[in-house]
Amino acid sequence: MKGNIAGLMQQAQKMQQEMQKAQQELANMEVTGQAGGGMVSVVMNGQHAVKRVTIDPSLVDDVEMLEDLGGAATNEAGNRVEVCWVA
């Protein structure tokens, strides 16, 4: 009986270590979301932190479109992170 519990504890500890490693790998990855045919790009890490935003200079005059595309690109990047967490 003691051997079974010790074995289960070792398995649980190994699974926990593997989960921590997978979470760290996901946190370090970067995904890119784009909107407006690539006119706005958002790079986000696996913890949903936005790392970079790239905006085509032609959008600077159209604030409303810029706001819409910025949100859309951010949402796309976030969705890509979620896919990685599920996979």
PDB file of N, CA and C in Angstrom:
ATOM      1  N   MET A   1       0.807  -1.196   0.000  1.00  0.00           N
ATOM      2  CA  MET A   1       0.000   0.000   0.000  1.00  0.00           C
ATOM      3  C   MET A   1       0.854   1.265   0.000  1.00  0.00           C
ATOM      4  N   LYS A   2       1.920   1.273   0.836  1.00  0.00           N
ATOM      5  CA  LYS A   2       2.808   2.436   0.882  1.00  0.00           C
ATOM      6  C   LYS A   2       3.491   2.651  -0.458  1.00  0.00           C
ATOM      7  N   GLY A   3       3.860   1.564  -1.125  1.00  0.00           N
ATOM      8  CA  GLY A   3       4.517   1.662  -2.426  1.00  0.00           C
ATOM      9  C   GLY A   3       3.609   2.293  -3.455  1.00  0.00           C
ATOM     10  N   ASN A   4       2.317   1.970  -3.407  1.00  0.00           N
ATOM     11  CA  ASN A   4       1.352   2.550  -4.351  1.00  0.00           C
ATOM     12  C   ASN A   4       1.213   4.049  -4.137  1.00  0.00           C
ATOM     13  N   ILE A   5       1.136   4.459  -2.879  1.00  0.00           N
ATOM     14  CA  ILE A   5       0.998   5.893  -2.577  1.00  0.00           C
ATOM     15  C   ILE A   5       2.258   6.639  -2.996  1.00  0.00           C
ATOM     16  N   ALA A   6       3.412   6.066  -2.716  1.00  0.00           N
ATOM     17  CA  ALA A   6       4.671   6.710  -3.102  1.00  0.00           C
ATOM     18  C   ALA A   6       4.753   6.831  -4.618  1.00  0.00           C
ATOM     19  N   GLY A   7       4.335   5.792  -5.322  1.00  0.00           N
ATOM     20  CA  GLY A   7       4.345   5.826  -6.784  1.00  0.00           C
ATOM     21  C   GLY A   7       3.399   6.882  -7.330  1.00  0.00           C
ATOM     22  N   LEU A   8       2.219   6.982  -6.734  1.00  0.00           N
ATOM     23  CA  LEU A   8       1.257   7.993  -7.159  1.00  0.00           C
ATOM     24  C   LEU A   8       1.775   9.402  -6.892  1.00  0.00           C
ATOM     25  N   MET A   9       2.432   9.574  -5.767  1.00  0.00           N
ATOM     26  CA  MET A   9       3.006  10.882  -5.442  1.00  0.00           C
ATOM     27  C   MET A   9       4.088  11.262  -6.448  1.00  0.00           C
ATOM     28  N   GLN A  10       4.909  10.299  -6.841  1.00  0.00           N
ATOM     29  CA  GLN A  10       5.957  10.569  -7.826  1.00  0.00           C
ATOM     30  C   GLN A  10       5.345  10.931  -9.169  1.00  0.00           C
ATOM     31  N   GLN A  11       4.290  10.206  -9.555  1.00  0.00           N
ATOM     32  CA  GLN A  11       3.613  10.505 -10.820  1.00  0.00           C
ATOM     33  C   GLN A  11       3.008  11.908 -10.785  1.00  0.00           C
ATOM     34  N   ALA A  12       2.372  12.241  -9.671  1.00  0.00           N
ATOM     35  CA  ALA A  12       1.754  13.559  -9.546  1.00  0.00           C
ATOM     36  C   ALA A  12       2.809  14.658  -9.618  1.00  0.00           C
ATOM     37  N   GLN A  13       3.941  14.442  -8.974  1.00  0.00           N
ATOM     38  CA  GLN A  13       5.008  15.437  -8.998  1.00  0.00           C
ATOM     39  C   GLN A  13       5.565  15.591 -10.414  1.00  0.00           C
ATOM     40  N   LYS A  14       5.720  14.478 -11.118  1.00  0.00           N
ATOM     41  CA  LYS A  14       6.223  14.535 -12.493  1.00  0.00           C
ATOM     42  C   LYS A  14       5.231  15.283 -13.391  1.00  0.00           C
ATOM     43  N   MET A  15       3.949  15.003 -13.224  1.00  0.00           N
ATOM     44  CA  MET A  15       2.931  15.689 -14.025  1.00  0.00           C
ATOM     45  C   MET A  15       2.932  17.192 -13.738  1.00  0.00           C
ATOM     46  N   GLN A  16       3.113  17.562 -12.482  1.00  0.00           N
ATOM     47  CA  GLN A  16       3.154  18.968 -12.110  1.00  0.00           C
ATOM     48  C   GLN A  16       4.357  19.665 -12.754  1.00  0.00           C
ATOM     49  N   GLN A  17       5.495  18.990 -12.761  1.00  0.00           N
ATOM     50  CA  GLN A  17       6.691  19.566 -13.388  1.00  0.00           C
ATOM     51  C   GLN A  17       6.490  19.730 -14.888  1.00  0.00           C
ATOM     52  N   GLU A  18       5.861  18.747 -15.528  1.00  0.00           N
ATOM     53  CA  GLU A  18       5.606  18.826 -16.965  1.00  0.00           C
ATOM     54  C   GLU A  18       4.631  19.961 -17.278  1.00  0.00           C
ATOM     55  N   MET A  19       3.631  20.145 -16.421  1.00  0.00           N
ATOM     56  CA  MET A  19       2.663  21.219 -16.609  1.00  0.00           C
ATOM     57  C   MET A  19       3.341  22.578 -16.464  1.00  0.00           C
ATOM     58  N   GLN A  20       4.220  22.725 -15.486  1.00  0.00           N
ATOM     59  CA  GLN A  20       4.942  23.983 -15.303  1.00  0.00           C
ATOM     60  C   GLN A  20       5.824  24.278 -16.514  1.00  0.00           C
ATOM     61  N   LYS A  21       6.459  23.243 -17.050  1.00  0.00           N
ATOM     62  CA  LYS A  21       7.307  23.422 -18.230  1.00  0.00           C
ATOM     63  C   LYS A  21       6.455  23.865 -19.419  1.00  0.00           C
ATOM     64  N   ALA A  22       5.298  23.233 -19.616  1.00  0.00           N
ATOM     65  CA  ALA A  22       4.412  23.588 -20.730  1.00  0.00           C
ATOM     66  C   ALA A  22       3.899  25.015 -20.569  1.00  0.00           C
ATOM     67  N   GLN A  23       3.544  25.423 -19.351  1.00  0.00           N
ATOM     68  CA  GLN A  23       3.075  26.784 -19.122  1.00  0.00           C
ATOM     69  C   GLN A  23       4.170  27.800 -19.414  1.00  0.00           C
ATOM     70  N   GLN A  24       5.409  27.486 -19.067  1.00  0.00           N
ATOM     71  CA  GLN A  24       6.528  28.387 -19.340  1.00  0.00           C
ATOM     72  C   GLN A  24       6.763  28.513 -20.839  1.00  0.00           C
ATOM     73  N   GLU A  25       6.670  27.387 -21.556  1.00  0.00           N
ATOM     74  CA  GLU A  25       6.842  27.430 -23.003  1.00  0.00           C
ATOM     75  C   GLU A  25       5.764  28.292 -23.649  1.00  0.00           C
ATOM     76  N   LEU A  26       4.520  28.143 -23.184  1.00  0.00           N
ATOM     77  CA  LEU A  26       3.433  28.956 -23.723  1.00  0.00           C
ATOM     78  C   LEU A  26       3.635  30.435 -23.406  1.00  0.00           C
ATOM     79  N   ALA A  27       4.116  30.729 -22.209  1.00  0.00           N
ATOM     80  CA  ALA A  27       4.348  32.119 -21.826  1.00  0.00           C
ATOM     81  C   ALA A  27       5.423  32.757 -22.700  1.00  0.00           C
ATOM     82  N   ASN A  28       6.389  31.976 -23.135  1.00  0.00           N
ATOM     83  CA  ASN A  28       7.500  32.505 -23.933  1.00  0.00           C
ATOM     84  C   ASN A  28       7.186  32.604 -25.420  1.00  0.00           C
ATOM     85  N   MET A  29       6.142  31.935 -25.877  1.00  0.00           N
ATOM     86  CA  MET A  29       5.830  31.974 -27.308  1.00  0.00           C
ATOM     87  C   MET A  29       5.216  33.316 -27.676  1.00  0.00           C
ATOM     88  N   GLU A  30       5.251  33.636 -28.951  1.00  0.00           N
ATOM     89  CA  GLU A  30       4.632  34.854 -29.446  1.00  0.00           C
ATOM     90  C   GLU A  30       3.736  34.505 -30.619  1.00  0.00           C
ATOM     91  N   VAL A  31       2.565  35.125 -30.661  1.00  0.00           N
ATOM     92  CA  VAL A  31       1.639  34.966 -31.778  1.00  0.00           C
ATOM     93  C   VAL A  31       1.351  36.349 -32.334  1.00  0.00           C
ATOM     94  N   THR A  32       0.962  36.397 -33.605  1.00  0.00           N
ATOM     95  CA  THR A  32       0.661  37.662 -34.259  1.00  0.00           C
ATOM     96  C   THR A  32      -0.769  37.642 -34.763  1.00  0.00           C
ATOM     97  N   GLY A  33      -1.499  38.698 -34.449  1.00  0.00           N
ATOM     98  CA  GLY A  33      -2.828  38.906 -34.999  1.00  0.00           C
ATOM     99  C   GLY A  33      -2.777  40.092 -35.942  1.00  0.00           C
ATOM    100  N   GLN A  34      -3.492  39.978 -37.057  1.00  0.00           N
ATOM    101  CA  GLN A  34      -3.494  41.063 -38.032  1.00  0.00           C
ATOM    102  C   GLN A  34      -4.919  41.440 -38.383  1.00  0.00           C
ATOM    103  N   ALA A  35      -5.083  42.672 -38.802  1.00  0.00           N
ATOM    104  CA  ALA A  35      -6.373  43.160 -39.275  1.00  0.00           C
ATOM    105  C   ALA A  35      -6.132  44.120 -40.427  1.00  0.00           C
ATOM    106  N   GLY A  36      -7.180  44.307 -41.217  1.00  0.00           N
ATOM    107  CA  GLY A  36      -7.068  45.240 -42.348  1.00  0.00           C
ATOM    108  C   GLY A  36      -6.047  44.789 -43.360  1.00  0.00           C
ATOM    109  N   GLY A  37      -5.983  43.484 -43.605  1.00  0.00           N
ATOM    110  CA  GLY A  37      -5.022  42.974 -44.580  1.00  0.00           C
ATOM    111  C   GLY A  37      -3.582  43.201 -44.162  1.00  0.00           C
ATOM    112  N   GLY A  38      -3.339  43.202 -42.861  1.00  0.00           N
ATOM    113  CA  GLY A  38      -1.980  43.382 -42.353  1.00  0.00           C
ATOM    114  C   GLY A  38      -1.615  44.830 -42.064  1.00  0.00           C
ATOM    115  N   MET A  39      -2.583  45.728 -42.201  1.00  0.00           N
ATOM    116  CA  MET A  39      -2.294  47.140 -41.936  1.00  0.00           C
ATOM    117  C   MET A  39      -2.045  47.388 -40.454  1.00  0.00           C
ATOM    118  N   VAL A  40      -2.628  46.548 -39.596  1.00  0.00           N
ATOM    119  CA  VAL A  40      -2.379  46.604 -38.157  1.00  0.00           C
ATOM    120  C   VAL A  40      -2.000  45.207 -37.708  1.00  0.00           C
ATOM    121  N   SER A  41      -0.884  45.090 -36.990  1.00  0.00           N
ATOM    122  CA  SER A  41      -0.422  43.813 -36.454  1.00  0.00           C
ATOM    123  C   SER A  41      -0.176  43.959 -34.964  1.00  0.00           C
ATOM    124  N   VAL A  42      -0.563  42.931 -34.224  1.00  0.00           N
ATOM    125  CA  VAL A  42      -0.338  42.904 -32.785  1.00  0.00           C
ATOM    126  C   VAL A  42       0.380  41.607 -32.457  1.00  0.00           C
ATOM    127  N   VAL A  43       1.515  41.713 -31.765  1.00  0.00           N
ATOM    128  CA  VAL A  43       2.256  40.535 -31.306  1.00  0.00           C
ATOM    129  C   VAL A  43       1.993  40.399 -29.811  1.00  0.00           C
ATOM    130  N   MET A  44       1.571  39.184 -29.414  1.00  0.00           N
ATOM    131  CA  MET A  44       1.185  38.932 -28.042  1.00  0.00           C
ATOM    132  C   MET A  44       1.884  37.664 -27.569  1.00  0.00           C
ATOM    133  N   ASN A  45       2.248  37.634 -26.272  1.00  0.00           N
ATOM    134  CA  ASN A  45       2.849  36.401 -25.756  1.00  0.00           C
ATOM    135  C   ASN A  45       1.756  35.468 -25.242  1.00  0.00           C
ATOM    136  N   GLY A  46       2.155  34.308 -24.760  1.00  0.00           N
ATOM    137  CA  GLY A  46       1.205  33.304 -24.315  1.00  0.00           C
ATOM    138  C   GLY A  46       0.460  33.665 -23.051  1.00  0.00           C
ATOM    139  N   GLN A  47       0.813  34.767 -22.427  1.00  0.00           N
ATOM    140  CA  GLN A  47       0.104  35.244 -21.240  1.00  0.00           C
ATOM    141  C   GLN A  47      -0.787  36.432 -21.589  1.00  0.00           C
ATOM    142  N   HIS A  48      -1.046  36.618 -22.878  1.00  0.00           N
ATOM    143  CA  HIS A  48      -1.896  37.679 -23.397  1.00  0.00           C
ATOM    144  C   HIS A  48      -1.316  39.080 -23.205  1.00  0.00           C
ATOM    145  N   ALA A  49      -0.034  39.198 -22.991  1.00  0.00           N
ATOM    146  CA  ALA A  49       0.595  40.513 -22.893  1.00  0.00           C
ATOM    147  C   ALA A  49       0.985  40.976 -24.294  1.00  0.00           C
ATOM    148  N   VAL A  50       0.549  42.159 -24.669  1.00  0.00           N
ATOM    149  CA  VAL A  50       0.883  42.708 -25.989  1.00  0.00           C
ATOM    150  C   VAL A  50       2.337  43.152 -25.964  1.00  0.00           C
ATOM    151  N   LYS A  51       3.126  42.618 -26.899  1.00  0.00           N
ATOM    152  CA  LYS A  51       4.551  42.926 -26.977  1.00  0.00           C
ATOM    153  C   LYS A  51       4.846  44.038 -27.983  1.00  0.00           C
ATOM    154  N   ARG A  52       4.156  44.000 -29.122  1.00  0.00           N
ATOM    155  CA  ARG A  52       4.395  44.992 -30.167  1.00  0.00           C
ATOM    156  C   ARG A  52       3.106  45.271 -30.925  1.00  0.00           C
ATOM    157  N   VAL A  53       2.974  46.505 -31.382  1.00  0.00           N
ATOM    158  CA  VAL A  53       1.878  46.900 -32.262  1.00  0.00           C
ATOM    159  C   VAL A  53       2.501  47.603 -33.449  1.00  0.00           C
ATOM    160  N   THR A  54       2.143  47.179 -34.647  1.00  0.00           N
ATOM    161  CA  THR A  54       2.646  47.804 -35.871  1.00  0.00           C
ATOM    162  C   THR A  54       1.449  48.348 -36.646  1.00  0.00           C
ATOM    163  N   ILE A  55       1.535  49.615 -37.038  1.00  0.00           N
ATOM    164  CA  ILE A  55       0.435  50.284 -37.727  1.00  0.00           C
ATOM    165  C   ILE A  55       0.942  50.893 -39.027  1.00  0.00           C
ATOM    166  N   ASP A  56       0.251  50.600 -40.106  1.00  0.00           N
ATOM    167  CA  ASP A  56       0.590  51.187 -41.395  1.00  0.00           C
ATOM    168  C   ASP A  56       0.376  52.703 -41.295  1.00  0.00           C
ATOM    169  N   PRO A  57       1.370  53.490 -41.686  1.00  0.00           N
ATOM    170  CA  PRO A  57       1.263  54.953 -41.561  1.00  0.00           C
ATOM    171  C   PRO A  57       0.052  55.556 -42.276  1.00  0.00           C
ATOM    172  N   SER A  58      -0.473  54.890 -43.289  1.00  0.00           N
ATOM    173  CA  SER A  58      -1.628  55.450 -44.006  1.00  0.00           C
ATOM    174  C   SER A  58      -2.878  55.491 -43.133  1.00  0.00           C
ATOM    175  N   LEU A  59      -2.892  54.753 -42.021  1.00  0.00           N
ATOM    176  CA  LEU A  59      -4.056  54.730 -41.143  1.00  0.00           C
ATOM    177  C   LEU A  59      -4.081  55.879 -40.131  1.00  0.00           C
ATOM    178  N   VAL A  60      -3.002  56.595 -40.001  1.00  0.00           N
ATOM    179  CA  VAL A  60      -2.894  57.617 -38.960  1.00  0.00           C
ATOM    180  C   VAL A  60      -3.961  58.698 -39.121  1.00  0.00           C
ATOM    181  N   ASP A  61      -4.386  58.972 -40.327  1.00  0.00           N
ATOM    182  CA  ASP A  61      -5.400  60.000 -40.565  1.00  0.00           C
ATOM    183  C   ASP A  61      -6.817  59.526 -40.254  1.00  0.00           C
ATOM    184  N   ASP A  62      -7.031  58.220 -40.152  1.00  0.00           N
ATOM    185  CA  ASP A  62      -8.369  57.661 -39.921  1.00  0.00           C
ATOM    186  C   ASP A  62      -8.413  56.996 -38.547  1.00  0.00           C
ATOM    187  N   VAL A  63      -8.633  57.800 -37.523  1.00  0.00           N
ATOM    188  CA  VAL A  63      -8.576  57.327 -36.139  1.00  0.00           C
ATOM    189  C   VAL A  63      -9.610  56.233 -35.882  1.00  0.00           C
ATOM    190  N   GLU A  64     -10.818  56.386 -36.387  1.00  0.00           N
ATOM    191  CA  GLU A  64     -11.865  55.395 -36.130  1.00  0.00           C
ATOM    192  C   GLU A  64     -11.481  54.029 -36.702  1.00  0.00           C
ATOM    193  N   MET A  65     -10.974  54.018 -37.930  1.00  0.00           N
ATOM    194  CA  MET A  65     -10.554  52.752 -38.527  1.00  0.00           C
ATOM    195  C   MET A  65      -9.372  52.180 -37.757  1.00  0.00           C
ATOM    196  N   LEU A  66      -8.457  53.029 -37.348  1.00  0.00           N
ATOM    197  CA  LEU A  66      -7.296  52.592 -36.582  1.00  0.00           C
ATOM    198  C   LEU A  66      -7.733  51.927 -35.284  1.00  0.00           C
ATOM    199  N   GLU A  67      -8.693  52.519 -34.596  1.00  0.00           N
ATOM    200  CA  GLU A  67      -9.213  51.927 -33.356  1.00  0.00           C
ATOM    201  C   GLU A  67      -9.847  50.564 -33.623  1.00  0.00           C
ATOM    202  N   ASP A  68     -10.649  50.483 -34.675  1.00  0.00           N
ATOM    203  CA  ASP A  68     -11.315  49.221 -35.009  1.00  0.00           C
ATOM    204  C   ASP A  68     -10.313  48.129 -35.360  1.00  0.00           C
ATOM    205  N   LEU A  69      -9.340  48.472 -36.185  1.00  0.00           N
ATOM    206  CA  LEU A  69      -8.355  47.482 -36.606  1.00  0.00           C
ATOM    207  C   LEU A  69      -7.434  47.080 -35.456  1.00  0.00           C
ATOM    208  N   GLY A  70      -7.111  48.026 -34.582  1.00  0.00           N
ATOM    209  CA  GLY A  70      -6.287  47.703 -33.411  1.00  0.00           C
ATOM    210  C   GLY A  70      -6.991  46.694 -32.518  1.00  0.00           C
ATOM    211  N   GLY A  71      -8.265  46.901 -32.288  1.00  0.00           N
ATOM    212  CA  GLY A  71      -9.040  45.947 -31.495  1.00  0.00           C
ATOM    213  C   GLY A  71      -9.146  44.598 -32.172  1.00  0.00           C
ATOM    214  N   ALA A  72      -9.395  44.606 -33.471  1.00  0.00           N
ATOM    215  CA  ALA A  72      -9.526  43.344 -34.205  1.00  0.00           C
ATOM    216  C   ALA A  72      -8.221  42.548 -34.199  1.00  0.00           C
ATOM    217  N   ALA A  73      -7.098  43.222 -34.399  1.00  0.00           N
ATOM    218  CA  ALA A  73      -5.801  42.540 -34.399  1.00  0.00           C
ATOM    219  C   ALA A  73      -5.487  41.986 -33.012  1.00  0.00           C
ATOM    220  N   THR A  74      -5.823  42.746 -31.974  1.00  0.00           N
ATOM    221  CA  THR A  74      -5.591  42.277 -30.609  1.00  0.00           C
ATOM    222  C   THR A  74      -6.453  41.057 -30.314  1.00  0.00           C
ATOM    223  N   ASN A  75      -7.704  41.090 -30.728  1.00  0.00           N
ATOM    224  CA  ASN A  75      -8.583  39.942 -30.520  1.00  0.00           C
ATOM    225  C   ASN A  75      -8.085  38.707 -31.265  1.00  0.00           C
ATOM    226  N   GLU A  76      -7.608  38.891 -32.481  1.00  0.00           N
ATOM    227  CA  GLU A  76      -7.097  37.756 -33.245  1.00  0.00           C
ATOM    228  C   GLU A  76      -5.885  37.141 -32.552  1.00  0.00           C
ATOM    229  N   ALA A  77      -4.977  37.987 -32.076  1.00  0.00           N
ATOM    230  CA  ALA A  77      -3.800  37.478 -31.374  1.00  0.00           C
ATOM    231  C   ALA A  77      -4.234  36.720 -30.117  1.00  0.00           C
ATOM    232  N   GLY A  78      -5.190  37.266 -29.375  1.00  0.00           N
ATOM    233  CA  GLY A  78      -5.695  36.593 -28.186  1.00  0.00           C
ATOM    234  C   GLY A  78      -6.311  35.248 -28.506  1.00  0.00           C
ATOM    235  N   ASN A  79      -7.054  35.175 -29.595  1.00  0.00           N
ATOM    236  CA  ASN A  79      -7.641  33.900 -30.022  1.00  0.00           C
ATOM    237  C   ASN A  79      -6.566  32.884 -30.379  1.00  0.00           C
ATOM    238  N   ARG A  80      -5.481  33.347 -30.980  1.00  0.00           N
ATOM    239  CA  ARG A  80      -4.393  32.434 -31.320  1.00  0.00           C
ATOM    240  C   ARG A  80      -3.709  31.896 -30.065  1.00  0.00           C
ATOM    241  N   VAL A  81      -3.592  32.733 -29.040  1.00  0.00           N
ATOM    242  CA  VAL A  81      -3.037  32.262 -27.772  1.00  0.00           C
ATOM    243  C   VAL A  81      -3.928  31.176 -27.182  1.00  0.00           C
ATOM    244  N   GLU A  82      -5.245  31.398 -27.220  1.00  0.00           N
ATOM    245  CA  GLU A  82      -6.191  30.426 -26.671  1.00  0.00           C
ATOM    246  C   GLU A  82      -6.080  29.095 -27.402  1.00  0.00           C
ATOM    247  N   VAL A  83      -5.901  29.124 -28.708  1.00  0.00           N
ATOM    248  CA  VAL A  83      -5.749  27.888 -29.480  1.00  0.00           C
ATOM    249  C   VAL A  83      -4.518  27.129 -29.013  1.00  0.00           C
ATOM    250  N   CYS A  84      -3.450  27.858 -28.727  1.00  0.00           N
ATOM    251  CA  CYS A  84      -2.221  27.205 -28.253  1.00  0.00           C
ATOM    252  C   CYS A  84      -2.411  26.585 -26.873  1.00  0.00           C
ATOM    253  N   TRP A  85      -3.185  27.225 -26.004  1.00  0.00           N
ATOM    254  CA  TRP A  85      -3.440  26.673 -24.671  1.00  0.00           C
ATOM    255  C   TRP A  85      -4.249  25.397 -24.772  1.00  0.00           C
ATOM    256  N   VAL A  86      -5.173  25.333 -25.729  1.00  0.00           N
ATOM    257  CA  VAL A  86      -6.040  24.168 -25.879  1.00  0.00           C
ATOM    258  C   VAL A  86      -5.284  23.009 -26.522  1.00  0.00           C
ATOM    259  N   ALA A  87      -4.423  23.335 -27.469  1.00  0.00           N
ATOM    260  CA  ALA A  87      -3.715  22.293 -28.231  1.00  0.00           C
ATOM    261  C   ALA A  87      -2.695  21.566 -27.438  1.00  0.00           C
TER     262      ALA A  87
END
